[in-house]
Amino acid sequence: MPFREINSKVVEATVLPGQRMFSQRGAMLAYKGDVSFTPNIQGGQGGVMSMLGRRLANEATPLMTVEGSGTVLFGHGGHHIQVIGLTGDTLYVEADRLLAFDGALQQGTMFMGSQGGVMGMVRGQVTGQGLFTTTLTGHGAVAVMAHGGVFEIPITPQRPVHVDPQAYVAHHGDVRNKLSTALGWRDMVGRGSGEAFQLELSGNGAVYVQASEEKL
């Protein structure tokens, strides 16, 4: 795994010759060694089609290609950082939450309506995440950003997980999601902060949840 957590808001990445990484522009804090940073115009590892898909989905978060030999410190906006390791599966995460990730991971987009049908699309509108989400597939590591820290909740066929959509960060594995309504006392008193909806995730995998309802 190329990332080492310095503290809750900074990670150190090891850059090796012949390998590359991608990071969000403006995320580099400092570096040592012979490392280059170039604007990425091909949409990351997914190429031109991946870039076009993210632009249509309003997911065109600018990326930098990081190459060379050395170490780089990454952080952005004082957000908390969570490093997620992938072992051949797919991570589903919003593009603006990506801090940095292995260049070996295949990047793409997924139409949220394909998971949960119409309710999947409603989820995108309710959470402000849009109708598409970014996917990263393969073996490698991803550093994602969140408010207030991140915790991982396992998802099993016997134990689906219900998440406040505003606190959702990412998920991976063979997981289905759907949006359901959950009217309760908070809605009766007019809090209106999103608890009228719950994101239900079922299958095998894990979901990452932030300790805040604030979006990036």
Protein backbone atom coordinates (compact mmCIF):
# COMPACT_ATOMS: atom_id res chain seq x y z
CA MET A 1 0.00 0.00 0.00
CA PRO A 2 1.65 3.30 -1.08
CA PHE A 3 -0.01 5.44 1.63
CA ARG A 4 1.13 5.96 5.20
CA GLU A 5 -1.12 7.90 7.54
CA ILE A 6 0.81 10.76 9.16
CA ASN A 7 -2.23 11.91 11.13
CA SER A 8 -5.97 12.05 10.57
CA LYS A 9 -5.61 14.78 7.92
CA VAL A 10 -2.33 14.01 6.15
CA VAL A 11 -1.05 10.92 4.31
CA GLU A 12 2.36 10.20 2.86
CA ALA A 13 2.54 8.44 -0.51
CA THR A 14 5.54 6.55 -1.86
CA VAL A 15 6.11 7.19 -5.57
CA LEU A 16 8.19 4.56 -7.39
CA PRO A 17 9.86 4.73 -10.82
CA GLY A 18 7.71 3.28 -13.58
CA GLN A 19 4.53 3.64 -11.53
CA ARG A 20 2.12 6.53 -11.28
CA MET A 21 -0.53 7.90 -9.01
CA PHE A 22 -3.39 10.32 -9.41
CA SER A 23 -4.30 13.05 -6.94
CA GLN A 24 -6.78 15.86 -6.71
CA ARG A 25 -5.23 19.12 -7.89
CA GLY A 26 -4.09 21.25 -5.00
CA ALA A 27 -3.75 18.24 -2.67
CA MET A 28 0.08 18.16 -2.62
CA LEU A 29 1.41 19.64 0.62
CA ALA A 30 5.11 18.79 0.28
CA TYR A 31 7.36 16.25 -1.37
CA LYS A 32 10.89 14.81 -1.32
CA GLY A 33 12.80 13.33 -4.24
CA ASP A 34 12.46 13.59 -8.01
CA VAL A 35 8.66 13.78 -8.37
CA SER A 36 6.67 15.42 -11.18
CA PHE A 37 3.08 16.66 -11.13
CA THR A 38 1.23 17.17 -14.42
CA PRO A 39 -2.42 18.06 -15.12
CA ASN A 40 -4.31 14.99 -16.26
CA ILE A 41 -6.39 15.61 -19.39
CA GLN A 42 -7.39 11.99 -20.07
CA GLY A 43 -9.64 11.46 -17.08
CA GLY A 44 -7.30 9.28 -15.01
CA GLN A 45 -6.75 5.60 -15.66
CA GLY A 46 -10.08 5.26 -17.45
CA GLY A 47 -8.93 7.33 -20.44
CA VAL A 48 -10.94 9.71 -22.59
CA MET A 49 -14.24 7.85 -22.28
CA SER A 50 -13.95 7.88 -18.51
CA MET A 51 -13.29 11.63 -18.63
CA LEU A 52 -16.31 12.23 -20.86
CA GLY A 53 -18.50 10.12 -18.59
CA ARG A 54 -17.47 12.13 -15.56
CA ARG A 55 -18.03 15.43 -17.35
CA LEU A 56 -21.54 14.39 -18.36
CA ALA A 57 -22.08 13.33 -14.75
CA ASN A 58 -20.68 16.59 -13.38
CA GLU A 59 -17.85 14.53 -11.90
CA ALA A 60 -15.00 16.38 -13.62
CA THR A 61 -12.87 16.90 -10.50
CA PRO A 62 -9.43 17.98 -11.79
CA LEU A 63 -6.69 15.37 -11.33
CA MET A 64 -2.90 15.47 -11.33
CA THR A 65 -0.65 12.66 -12.53
CA VAL A 66 2.13 12.00 -10.01
CA GLU A 67 5.27 10.22 -11.23
CA GLY A 68 8.95 9.82 -10.38
CA SER A 69 10.77 8.63 -7.28
CA GLY A 70 10.19 9.99 -3.79
CA THR A 71 7.51 10.67 -1.20
CA VAL A 72 4.60 13.11 -1.28
CA LEU A 73 2.46 14.48 1.55
CA PHE A 74 -1.21 14.85 0.60
CA GLY A 75 -4.02 16.70 2.36
CA HIS A 76 -6.85 19.00 1.32
CA GLY A 77 -9.02 21.54 3.09
CA GLY A 78 -8.31 20.13 6.53
CA HIS A 79 -10.58 17.17 5.76
CA HIS A 80 -10.15 13.85 7.52
CA ILE A 81 -8.57 11.16 5.34
CA GLN A 82 -9.33 7.44 5.18
CA VAL A 83 -7.10 5.00 3.29
CA ILE A 84 -9.03 2.12 1.70
CA GLY A 85 -7.28 -0.94 0.29
CA LEU A 86 -8.80 -2.79 -2.66
CA THR A 87 -8.01 -6.43 -3.45
CA GLY A 88 -9.66 -6.85 -6.82
CA ASP A 89 -13.06 -5.40 -5.98
CA THR A 90 -14.66 -2.05 -6.84
CA LEU A 91 -14.91 1.08 -4.71
CA TYR A 92 -17.87 3.40 -5.35
CA VAL A 93 -17.05 6.96 -4.29
CA GLU A 94 -17.89 10.52 -5.31
CA ALA A 95 -15.13 12.16 -7.37
CA ASP A 96 -14.78 15.18 -5.10
CA ARG A 97 -13.96 12.86 -2.18
CA LEU A 98 -10.92 11.39 -3.92
CA LEU A 99 -7.67 12.71 -2.49
CA ALA A 100 -5.25 10.31 -4.23
CA PHE A 101 -5.19 6.76 -5.59
CA ASP A 102 -3.01 4.15 -7.25
CA GLY A 103 -2.59 4.58 -10.98
CA ALA A 104 -3.00 0.81 -11.35
CA LEU A 105 -6.68 1.08 -10.43
CA GLN A 106 -9.15 1.24 -13.32
CA GLN A 107 -11.30 4.35 -13.09
CA GLY A 108 -14.83 4.67 -14.45
CA THR A 109 -18.34 5.94 -13.73
CA MET A 110 -21.59 4.20 -12.85
CA PHE A 111 -25.12 5.46 -13.39
CA MET A 112 -26.77 5.43 -9.95
CA GLY A 113 -30.09 4.48 -11.50
CA SER A 114 -28.60 1.05 -12.29
CA GLN A 115 -28.57 0.29 -8.59
CA GLY A 116 -31.99 0.76 -7.16
CA GLY A 117 -33.74 1.90 -10.35
CA VAL A 118 -35.65 5.15 -9.97
CA MET A 119 -34.87 5.24 -6.25
CA GLY A 120 -31.18 5.15 -7.11
CA MET A 121 -31.64 8.33 -9.12
CA VAL A 122 -33.69 9.90 -6.31
CA ARG A 123 -30.82 9.14 -3.96
CA GLY A 124 -28.45 11.14 -6.12
CA GLN A 125 -30.75 14.14 -6.07
CA VAL A 126 -31.49 13.94 -2.34
CA THR A 127 -27.84 13.61 -1.28
CA GLY A 128 -26.53 16.13 -3.78
CA GLN A 129 -24.17 13.47 -5.12
CA GLY A 130 -25.59 13.53 -8.63
CA LEU A 131 -26.85 10.67 -10.78
CA PHE A 132 -23.41 9.13 -11.34
CA THR A 133 -20.64 7.96 -9.05
CA THR A 134 -16.96 7.24 -9.65
CA THR A 135 -15.69 3.65 -9.57
CA LEU A 136 -12.16 2.40 -8.88
CA THR A 137 -11.45 -1.27 -9.56
CA GLY A 138 -8.44 -3.53 -9.04
CA HIS A 139 -5.63 -3.98 -6.56
CA GLY A 140 -4.34 -0.86 -4.84
CA ALA A 141 -5.11 1.87 -2.34
CA VAL A 142 -7.36 4.92 -2.32
CA ALA A 143 -7.26 7.91 0.02
CA VAL A 144 -10.69 9.51 0.44
CA MET A 145 -11.77 12.65 2.29
CA ALA A 146 -14.58 13.18 4.78
CA HIS A 147 -15.78 15.41 7.59
CA GLY A 148 -15.24 14.40 11.20
CA GLY A 149 -13.49 11.09 10.56
CA VAL A 150 -14.62 7.87 8.89
CA PHE A 151 -15.66 4.48 10.21
CA GLU A 152 -16.18 1.24 8.31
CA ILE A 153 -19.33 -0.87 8.71
CA PRO A 154 -19.32 -4.46 7.33
CA ILE A 155 -22.27 -5.45 5.13
CA THR A 156 -23.42 -9.09 5.12
CA PRO A 157 -26.42 -10.80 3.48
CA GLN A 158 -27.91 -11.34 6.94
CA ARG A 159 -27.23 -7.78 8.11
CA PRO A 160 -27.98 -4.98 5.64
CA VAL A 161 -26.86 -1.54 6.79
CA HIS A 162 -29.00 1.60 6.86
CA VAL A 163 -27.10 4.87 6.48
CA ASP A 164 -28.07 8.53 6.58
CA PRO A 165 -27.44 9.56 2.95
CA GLN A 166 -25.74 12.75 4.12
CA ALA A 167 -23.17 10.70 6.07
CA TYR A 168 -22.42 8.23 3.26
CA VAL A 169 -18.84 8.39 1.92
CA ALA A 170 -18.20 5.25 -0.17
CA HIS A 171 -18.75 1.50 -0.34
CA HIS A 172 -17.12 -1.53 -1.90
CA GLY A 173 -17.92 -5.16 -2.56
CA ASP A 174 -20.93 -6.92 -4.05
CA VAL A 175 -23.42 -4.44 -2.66
CA ARG A 176 -26.84 -3.22 -3.73
CA ASN A 177 -28.24 0.11 -2.56
CA LYS A 178 -31.70 1.56 -2.43
CA LEU A 179 -33.29 4.61 -0.88
CA SER A 180 -36.21 4.22 1.52
CA THR A 181 -38.29 6.68 3.47
CA ALA A 182 -38.16 6.68 7.25
CA LEU A 183 -40.59 9.21 8.65
CA GLY A 184 -40.10 9.77 12.36
CA TRP A 185 -40.14 12.31 15.14
CA ARG A 186 -37.34 14.38 13.59
CA ASP A 187 -39.52 15.02 10.55
CA MET A 188 -42.49 15.87 12.74
CA VAL A 189 -40.52 18.66 14.44
CA GLY A 190 -39.28 19.99 11.13
CA ARG A 191 -35.57 19.30 11.41
CA GLY A 192 -35.47 18.44 7.71
CA SER A 193 -31.82 17.31 7.67
CA GLY A 194 -32.25 14.20 5.57
CA GLU A 195 -33.40 11.60 8.10
CA ALA A 196 -36.63 11.22 6.12
CA PHE A 197 -34.53 9.04 3.83
CA GLN A 198 -32.32 6.08 4.58
CA LEU A 199 -29.80 4.48 2.26
CA GLU A 200 -30.06 0.69 2.60
CA LEU A 201 -27.02 -1.32 1.51
CA SER A 202 -27.22 -5.10 1.27
CA GLY A 203 -24.95 -7.91 0.07
CA ASN A 204 -21.28 -8.53 0.88
CA GLY A 205 -18.86 -5.67 1.42
CA ALA A 206 -18.46 -2.57 3.56
CA VAL A 207 -19.70 1.00 3.69
CA TYR A 208 -17.69 4.00 4.88
CA VAL A 209 -19.58 6.59 6.89
CA GLN A 210 -18.41 9.99 8.11
CA ALA A 211 -19.12 11.36 11.56
CA SER A 212 -20.93 14.36 10.11
CA GLU A 213 -23.86 15.26 7.84
CA GLU A 214 -21.83 18.00 6.15
CA LYS A 215 -20.95 17.51 2.48
CA LEU A 216 -17.55 18.43 1.04
